């Protein structure tokens, strides 16, 4: 795996409130009716990915999936 910026979608069980915007800076998130949250954002490399996953672990939120949706093409803002 190469260390290039990529757009990731991370699905979590549970909802996130607006106060988590600064904790997950650079990410947008959407809460769905089925009780899940979808975080979307650009992650620069594997170290940054592990940092985000550590934040999720520290919150105790169950991780459902991690998907790279645009490898090496991300510009810095999820659209």
Protein backbone atom coordinates (compact mmCIF):
# COMPACT_ATOMS: atom_id res chain seq x y z
CA UNK A 1 0.00 0.00 0.00
CA UNK A 2 1.32 3.40 -0.95
CA UNK A 3 1.30 6.42 1.33
CA UNK A 4 -0.75 8.83 -0.76
CA UNK A 5 -3.76 10.91 0.29
CA UNK A 6 -7.02 9.06 -0.11
CA UNK A 7 -10.68 9.69 0.57
CA UNK A 8 -12.02 7.31 3.22
CA UNK A 9 -15.47 6.45 4.49
CA UNK A 10 -15.58 5.03 8.01
CA UNK A 11 -18.85 3.54 9.23
CA UNK A 12 -19.52 3.40 12.98
CA UNK A 13 -22.30 1.98 15.10
CA UNK A 14 -23.92 4.85 16.98
CA UNK A 15 -24.59 8.49 16.26
CA UNK A 16 -22.18 11.40 16.65
CA UNK A 17 -23.34 14.80 17.85
CA UNK A 18 -22.15 18.13 16.42
CA UNK A 19 -19.66 18.54 19.29
CA UNK A 20 -17.49 15.89 17.61
CA UNK A 21 -16.77 18.14 14.58
CA UNK A 22 -13.54 19.41 16.14
CA UNK A 23 -12.49 15.96 17.39
CA UNK A 24 -12.74 14.60 13.86
CA UNK A 25 -11.42 17.75 12.20
CA UNK A 26 -11.34 17.54 8.42
CA UNK A 27 -14.12 14.95 8.34
CA UNK A 28 -17.79 15.30 7.66
CA UNK A 29 -20.21 12.90 9.25
CA UNK A 30 -23.76 11.84 8.67
CA UNK A 31 -25.97 9.97 11.10
CA UNK A 32 -28.35 7.50 9.50
CA UNK A 33 -31.73 6.31 10.70
CA UNK A 34 -30.38 2.81 11.29
CA UNK A 35 -28.19 4.02 14.17
CA UNK A 36 -24.92 4.35 12.26
CA UNK A 37 -22.59 7.26 11.56
CA UNK A 38 -20.57 7.70 8.37
CA UNK A 39 -17.34 9.69 8.61
CA UNK A 40 -15.93 10.91 5.29
CA UNK A 41 -12.59 12.63 4.87
CA UNK A 42 -9.15 12.69 3.33
CA UNK A 43 -6.46 10.74 5.14
CA UNK A 44 -2.91 11.55 4.10
CA UNK A 45 -1.17 8.24 4.87
CA UNK A 46 -1.31 5.04 6.90
CA UNK A 47 -0.08 6.77 10.07
CA UNK A 48 -2.95 9.25 9.85
CA UNK A 49 -5.42 6.41 9.27
CA UNK A 50 -4.21 4.66 12.40
CA UNK A 51 -4.58 7.94 14.30
CA UNK A 52 -8.23 8.27 13.28
CA UNK A 53 -8.89 4.63 14.15
CA UNK A 54 -7.28 5.18 17.57
CA UNK A 55 -9.67 8.11 18.20
CA UNK A 56 -12.62 5.87 17.33
CA UNK A 57 -11.29 3.16 19.64
CA UNK A 58 -10.81 5.67 22.46
CA UNK A 59 -14.46 6.71 22.15
CA UNK A 60 -15.53 3.08 22.42
CA UNK A 61 -17.54 3.26 19.21
CA UNK A 62 -17.92 -0.04 17.35
CA UNK A 63 -16.19 0.12 13.97
CA UNK A 64 -18.32 -1.37 11.18
CA UNK A 65 -16.22 -0.66 8.09
CA UNK A 66 -13.33 1.32 6.63
CA UNK A 67 -13.41 1.97 2.89
CA UNK A 68 -10.93 3.79 0.67
CA UNK A 69 -13.10 5.36 -2.01
CA UNK A 70 -10.56 7.44 -4.01
CA UNK A 71 -6.97 6.31 -3.57
CA UNK A 72 -4.29 8.79 -4.57
CA UNK A 73 -6.81 11.18 -6.12
CA UNK A 74 -8.02 13.01 -3.02
CA UNK A 75 -7.44 16.75 -3.06
CA UNK A 76 -8.12 17.56 0.59
CA UNK A 77 -11.85 18.10 0.74
CA UNK A 78 -14.51 15.40 0.61
CA UNK A 79 -17.10 16.07 -2.06
